[in-house]
Every structure is written in structure tokens, then in C-alpha cells.
C-alpha atoms as a PDB file:
ATOM      1  CA  MET A   1      -0.120  -0.050   0.146  1.00  0.00           C
ATOM      2  CA  LEU A   2       1.355   3.281  -1.020  1.00  0.00           C
ATOM      3  CA  GLY A   3       0.529   6.427   0.786  1.00  0.00           C
ATOM      4  CA  ASP A   4       0.543   9.822  -0.585  1.00  0.00           C
ATOM      5  CA  GLY A   5      -0.332  11.613   2.813  1.00  0.00           C
ATOM      6  CA  ARG A   6      -3.950  12.688   1.335  1.00  0.00           C
ATOM      7  CA  ALA A   7      -7.077  11.441   2.853  1.00  0.00           C
ATOM      8  CA  VAL A   8      -9.778  12.952   0.149  1.00  0.00           C
ATOM      9  CA  GLU A   9     -12.795  11.030   0.929  1.00  0.00           C
ATOM     10  CA  PRO A  10     -14.572  10.090   4.214  1.00  0.00           C
ATOM     11  CA  GLY A  11     -13.610   7.217   5.963  1.00  0.00           C
ATOM     12  CA  GLN A  12     -10.180   7.390   4.032  1.00  0.00           C
ATOM     13  CA  VAL A  13      -6.830   7.081   5.866  1.00  0.00           C
ATOM     14  CA  GLY A  14      -3.896   9.002   4.538  1.00  0.00           C
ATOM     15  CA  TYR A  15      -0.355   7.934   5.873  1.00  0.00           C
ATOM     16  CA  PHE A  16       1.629  10.861   6.501  1.00  0.00           C
ATOM     17  CA  PRO A  17       4.373  10.916   6.383  1.00  0.00           C
ATOM     18  CA  GLY A  18       4.271   7.600   4.554  1.00  0.00           C
ATOM     19  CA  ALA A  19       6.574   5.358   6.401  1.00  0.00           C
ATOM     20  CA  THR A  20       5.452   1.910   6.918  1.00  0.00           C
ATOM     21  CA  PRO A  21       5.724  -0.720   4.225  1.00  0.00           C
ATOM     22  CA  GLY A  22       3.370  -3.616   5.054  1.00  0.00           C
ATOM     23  CA  ILE A  23       2.227  -6.939   3.740  1.00  0.00           C
ATOM     24  CA  ALA A  24      -0.592  -9.581   4.639  1.00  0.00           C
ATOM     25  CA  PRO A  25       1.196 -12.839   5.651  1.00  0.00           C
ATOM     26  CA  ILE A  26      -0.313 -16.067   4.594  1.00  0.00           C
ATOM     27  CA  GLU A  27      -2.365 -15.865   7.205  1.00  0.00           C
ATOM     28  CA  GLU A  28      -3.131 -19.384   8.377  1.00  0.00           C
ATOM     29  CA  THR A  29       1.131 -20.117   8.225  1.00  0.00           C
ATOM     30  CA  VAL A  30       1.477 -17.556  11.495  1.00  0.00           C
ATOM     31  CA  ASN A  31       2.721 -19.581  14.316  1.00  0.00           C
ATOM     32  CA  GLY A  32       4.524 -18.246  17.330  1.00  0.00           C
ATOM     33  CA  THR A  33       4.771 -15.888  19.997  1.00  0.00           C
ATOM     34  CA  ILE A  34       4.643 -11.726  19.939  1.00  0.00           C
ATOM     35  CA  VAL A  35       6.003  -9.988  22.421  1.00  0.00           C
ATOM     36  CA  VAL A  36       4.714  -6.609  22.615  1.00  0.00           C
ATOM     37  CA  ASP A  37       7.074  -3.847  24.191  1.00  0.00           C
ATOM     38  CA  GLY A  38       6.156  -0.909  22.618  1.00  0.00           C
ATOM     39  CA  ALA A  39       2.133  -0.398  22.183  1.00  0.00           C
ATOM     40  CA  THR A  40      -1.309  -1.712  21.768  1.00  0.00           C
ATOM     41  CA  SER A  41      -4.308  -0.055  20.247  1.00  0.00           C
ATOM     42  CA  LEU A  42      -4.979   1.350  23.589  1.00  0.00           C
ATOM     43  CA  GLY A  43      -1.648   2.923  24.078  1.00  0.00           C
ATOM     44  CA  LEU A  44       1.824   2.259  25.249  1.00  0.00           C
ATOM     45  CA  VAL A  45       2.505  -0.906  27.525  1.00  0.00           C
ATOM     46  CA  SER A  46       4.326  -0.257  30.873  1.00  0.00           C
ATOM     47  CA  ALA A  47       4.974  -4.323  30.771  1.00  0.00           C
ATOM     48  CA  PRO A  48       5.554  -6.793  28.133  1.00  0.00           C
ATOM     49  CA  VAL A  49       1.956  -8.448  26.614  1.00  0.00           C
ATOM     50  CA  THR A  50       2.541 -11.872  25.109  1.00  0.00           C
ATOM     51  CA  LEU A  51       0.497 -12.999  22.280  1.00  0.00           C
ATOM     52  CA  ARG A  52       0.421 -16.669  21.083  1.00  0.00           C
ATOM     53  CA  VAL A  53      -0.423 -17.240  17.672  1.00  0.00           C
ATOM     54  CA  GLU A  54      -1.636 -20.541  16.082  1.00  0.00           C
ATOM     55  CA  LYS A  55      -2.427 -20.835  12.221  1.00  0.00           C
ATOM     56  CA  GLY A  56      -2.963 -17.015  12.047  1.00  0.00           C
ATOM     57  CA  VAL A  57      -5.129 -16.609  15.229  1.00  0.00           C
ATOM     58  CA  VAL A  58      -4.157 -15.329  18.339  1.00  0.00           C
ATOM     59  CA  THR A  59      -4.734 -17.900  20.587  1.00  0.00           C
ATOM     60  CA  SER A  60      -3.867 -16.417  24.322  1.00  0.00           C
ATOM     61  CA  ILE A  61      -3.037 -12.736  25.389  1.00  0.00           C
ATOM     62  CA  GLU A  62      -0.461 -13.019  28.649  1.00  0.00           C
ATOM     63  CA  GLY A  63       0.890 -10.517  30.920  1.00  0.00           C
ATOM     64  CA  GLY A  64      -0.239  -7.538  33.325  1.00  0.00           C
ATOM     65  CA  GLU A  65      -3.122  -4.977  32.962  1.00  0.00           C
ATOM     66  CA  ASP A  66      -2.016  -3.843  29.491  1.00  0.00           C
ATOM     67  CA  ALA A  67      -2.651  -7.563  28.313  1.00  0.00           C
ATOM     68  CA  ASN A  68      -5.990  -7.643  30.402  1.00  0.00           C
ATOM     69  CA  ALA A  69      -7.090  -4.255  28.562  1.00  0.00           C
ATOM     70  CA  TYR A  70      -6.027  -5.532  25.114  1.00  0.00           C
ATOM     71  CA  ARG A  71      -7.819  -9.054  25.666  1.00  0.00           C
ATOM     72  CA  SER A  72     -11.010  -7.158  26.856  1.00  0.00           C
ATOM     73  CA  LEU A  73     -11.171  -4.778  23.981  1.00  0.00           C
ATOM     74  CA  LEU A  74     -10.705  -7.643  21.231  1.00  0.00           C
ATOM     75  CA  GLU A  75     -13.363  -9.709  23.156  1.00  0.00           C
ATOM     76  CA  SER A  76     -15.723  -6.763  23.714  1.00  0.00           C
ATOM     77  CA  VAL A  77     -16.939  -6.833  19.703  1.00  0.00           C
ATOM     78  CA  ASP A  78     -17.934 -10.388  20.312  1.00  0.00           C
ATOM     79  CA  ASP A  79     -16.236 -11.176  16.843  1.00  0.00           C
ATOM     80  CA  PRO A  80     -13.495 -14.200  16.605  1.00  0.00           C
ATOM     81  CA  LYS A  81     -12.272 -12.342  13.373  1.00  0.00           C
ATOM     82  CA  ALA A  82     -10.888  -9.716  16.223  1.00  0.00           C
ATOM     83  CA  PHE A  83      -7.970 -12.235  16.704  1.00  0.00           C
ATOM     84  CA  ASN A  84      -6.882 -12.721  13.272  1.00  0.00           C
ATOM     85  CA  VAL A  85      -3.350 -11.839  12.173  1.00  0.00           C
ATOM     86  CA  VAL A  86      -3.933  -9.569   9.215  1.00  0.00           C
ATOM     87  CA  HIS A  87      -0.687  -7.632   8.356  1.00  0.00           C
ATOM     88  CA  PHE A  88       2.874  -6.949   9.137  1.00  0.00           C
ATOM     89  CA  ASN A  89       4.624  -3.325   8.726  1.00  0.00           C
ATOM     90  CA  VAL A  90       8.130  -2.126   9.462  1.00  0.00           C
ATOM     91  CA  GLY A  91       8.505   1.233   9.973  1.00  0.00           C
ATOM     92  CA  VAL A  92      11.267   3.647   8.286  1.00  0.00           C
ATOM     93  CA  ASN A  93      10.748   7.024   9.337  1.00  0.00           C
ATOM     94  CA  PRO A  94      13.940   8.370  10.716  1.00  0.00           C
ATOM     95  CA  ARG A  95      11.987  11.076  12.610  1.00  0.00           C
ATOM     96  CA  ALA A  96       9.157   9.180  14.221  1.00  0.00           C
ATOM     97  CA  GLN A  97       9.382   8.469  17.896  1.00  0.00           C
ATOM     98  CA  MET A  98       7.527   6.018  20.211  1.00  0.00           C
ATOM     99  CA  GLN A  99       4.927   7.841  21.925  1.00  0.00           C
ATOM    100  CA  ASP A 100       1.272   7.385  22.712  1.00  0.00           C
ATOM    101  CA  ARG A 101       0.171   7.765  19.168  1.00  0.00           C
ATOM    102  CA  MET A 102      -0.345   4.610  17.336  1.00  0.00           C
ATOM    103  CA  HIS A 103       0.301   6.219  13.957  1.00  0.00           C
ATOM    104  CA  GLN A 104       3.403   7.595  14.799  1.00  0.00           C
ATOM    105  CA  ASN A 105       4.470   4.334  16.814  1.00  0.00           C
ATOM    106  CA  GLU A 106       4.149   2.255  13.535  1.00  0.00           C
ATOM    107  CA  GLN A 107       6.562   4.434  11.373  1.00  0.00           C
ATOM    108  CA  VAL A 108       9.458   4.246  14.102  1.00  0.00           C
ATOM    109  CA  VAL A 109      12.653   2.793  11.913  1.00  0.00           C
ATOM    110  CA  GLY A 110      12.727  -0.769  12.799  1.00  0.00           C
ATOM    111  CA  ALA A 111       9.587  -1.150  14.611  1.00  0.00           C
ATOM    112  CA  VAL A 112       7.502  -3.565  13.829  1.00  0.00           C
ATOM    113  CA  THR A 113       3.504  -3.622  13.971  1.00  0.00           C
ATOM    114  CA  PHE A 114       0.893  -6.594  13.677  1.00  0.00           C
ATOM    115  CA  GLY A 115      -2.378  -5.853  12.878  1.00  0.00           C
ATOM    116  CA  PHE A 116      -5.417  -7.917  13.900  1.00  0.00           C
ATOM    117  CA  GLY A 117      -9.263  -8.178  13.019  1.00  0.00           C
ATOM    118  CA  HIS A 118     -10.455  -6.249   9.827  1.00  0.00           C
ATOM    119  CA  GLN A 119      -8.227  -6.695   6.988  1.00  0.00           C
ATOM    120  CA  ASP A 120      -8.190  -3.695   4.385  1.00  0.00           C
ATOM    121  CA  PRO A 121      -9.143  -5.319   0.988  1.00  0.00           C
ATOM    122  CA  SER A 122      -5.791  -3.704  -0.378  1.00  0.00           C
ATOM    123  CA  PHE A 123      -3.984  -6.486   1.203  1.00  0.00           C
ATOM    124  CA  GLN A 124      -5.521  -9.092  -0.934  1.00  0.00           C
ATOM    125  CA  GLY A 125      -5.284 -11.599   2.091  1.00  0.00           C
ATOM    126  CA  SER A 126      -8.057 -13.922   3.110  1.00  0.00           C
ATOM    127  CA  ALA A 127      -9.330 -12.619   6.790  1.00  0.00           C
ATOM    128  CA  GLY A 128     -11.365 -10.090   5.139  1.00  0.00           C
ATOM    129  CA  ALA A 129     -14.034  -7.952   7.192  1.00  0.00           C
ATOM    130  CA  ALA A 130     -14.112  -7.743  11.156  1.00  0.00           C
ATOM    131  CA  LYS A 131     -16.087  -5.467  13.406  1.00  0.00           C
ATOM    132  CA  ILE A 132     -12.700  -4.166  14.685  1.00  0.00           C
ATOM    133  CA  HIS A 133      -8.825  -3.603  13.622  1.00  0.00           C
ATOM    134  CA  SER A 134      -6.197  -3.569  16.222  1.00  0.00           C
ATOM    135  CA  ASP A 135      -2.452  -2.867  16.052  1.00  0.00           C
ATOM    136  CA  VAL A 136       0.428  -3.775  18.405  1.00  0.00           C
ATOM    137  CA  VAL A 137       3.969  -2.584  18.185  1.00  0.00           C
ATOM    138  CA  LEU A 138       7.297  -4.029  18.952  1.00  0.00           C
ATOM    139  CA  ARG A 139       9.890  -1.455  19.516  1.00  0.00           C
ATOM    140  CA  SER A 140      13.176  -2.980  18.359  1.00  0.00           C
ATOM    141  CA  PRO A 141      13.009  -6.273  16.857  1.00  0.00           C
ATOM    142  CA  THR A 142      15.245  -8.103  15.303  1.00  0.00           C
ATOM    143  CA  ILE A 143      13.871  -8.878  11.600  1.00  0.00           C
ATOM    144  CA  TYR A 144      15.376 -11.520   9.172  1.00  0.00           C
ATOM    145  CA  LEU A 145      14.601 -11.889   5.627  1.00  0.00           C
ATOM    146  CA  ASP A 146      15.877 -15.197   4.294  1.00  0.00           C
ATOM    147  CA  ASP A 147      18.331 -15.804   7.034  1.00  0.00           C
ATOM    148  CA  VAL A 148      20.027 -12.155   6.600  1.00  0.00           C
ATOM    149  CA  VAL A 149      19.504  -9.584   9.540  1.00  0.00           C
ATOM    150  CA  MET A 150      17.177  -6.912   7.749  1.00  0.00           C
ATOM    151  CA  CYS A 151      16.809  -4.910  10.879  1.00  0.00           C
ATOM    152  CA  GLU A 152      18.452  -4.678  14.101  1.00  0.00           C
ATOM    153  CA  ASN A 153      18.587  -2.010  16.966  1.00  0.00           C
ATOM    154  CA  ASN A 154      16.559  -0.039  14.856  1.00  0.00           C
ATOM    155  CA  GLN A 155      18.968   0.299  12.043  1.00  0.00           C
ATOM    156  CA  LEU A 156      18.254  -1.159   8.644  1.00  0.00           C
ATOM    157  CA  ASN A 157      20.576  -3.382   6.955  1.00  0.00           C
ATOM    158  CA  PRO A 158      22.608  -1.144   4.268  1.00  0.00           C
ATOM    159  CA  ASP A 159      23.818  -4.197   2.467  1.00  0.00           C
ATOM    160  CA  LEU A 160      20.010  -4.914   1.461  1.00  0.00           C
ATOM    161  CA  GLY A 161      19.837  -1.333  -0.116  1.00  0.00           C
ATOM    162  CA  LEU A 162      18.128   0.012   3.087  1.00  0.00           C
ATOM    163  CA  GLY A 163      20.672   2.495   3.922  1.00  0.00           C
ATOM    164  CA  GLY A 164      20.163   6.316   4.594  1.00  0.00           C
ATOM    165  CA  ILE A 165      17.285   5.269   7.011  1.00  0.00           C
END
């Protein structure tokens, strides 16, 4: 999805400054543990929130108060699709800083955002519509691309043509 920063129709989202390349995974192949140390859709987390994912669906949310609040948010819409993994973004904006603004958090260089619930049709994934869309942000994960480090310590690998960011 390319964003030019413009929102010209009601309900349209503009990504300004546009700096969050994202993909939809092959949803049913997503398995593992996501440890959120940045933010959920409810704001910055004070302690890690651990999400367990099986076949593209969050099966448990563990941690302290932030985990309980995030779980309650997803459960509150009474839609099992709220727990579906629908996208993965990597921030590439060198001026963005982690704060209590989700849109900016998603853009911090090297921060990773996982989205759950409603999937924008432009992703062309299989999850589709849901009653909610929510995101979680990991502050500084190490990202591998075909066994090569793509990003580490919020620095993109210049050997992959990602220098200058």
C-alpha cells in the first residue's frame, strides 16, 4: 500500500508521512509468540504483552494490566475475527518516535506492527472484514529476511539497499 498523505474521501486513511511498508501474511502460516514491548491500540504498554498465535489466530494474551485491557478490547466486539493476524509492517521513518500515538509508533525505524481483525482489501489477504482492527507495536525487534538480518537495533541493513534510513 502506497500512501501519499492525502485523505480526500470520508473514512479514508492517509499515511503522512508515509513510512510503513506492510504486507499481509499467508494468514494460516503464522505461528509463534509476539512479545509487545511498545504499544497496543490502547496506548504504550508498561509491561510486555505476550500473544500466542496458531495458524494466524491469537490463542492467548498474557501479561499484566495492559494484556488484560487489550484482551478485553478484542473480546468486547464479540467477533472471533478480531483475533486474526492481518498484516505486518516495518517502520522506516527516521524522525518518528515512540509515544502515545499509534500512527507514529508504527513508523519508528525498525519498529514492527502486527495488525489484527479487519483486513483492508488492498492487502488482498484472506482474513476479510471484522468488527474491529487493532495493532500492536514491537519497539526494536531483530528482523530476518531469508536468514539475513534486515533490521537490528532500529537500524536497517544497508547491504540490502536500505541505507540512509
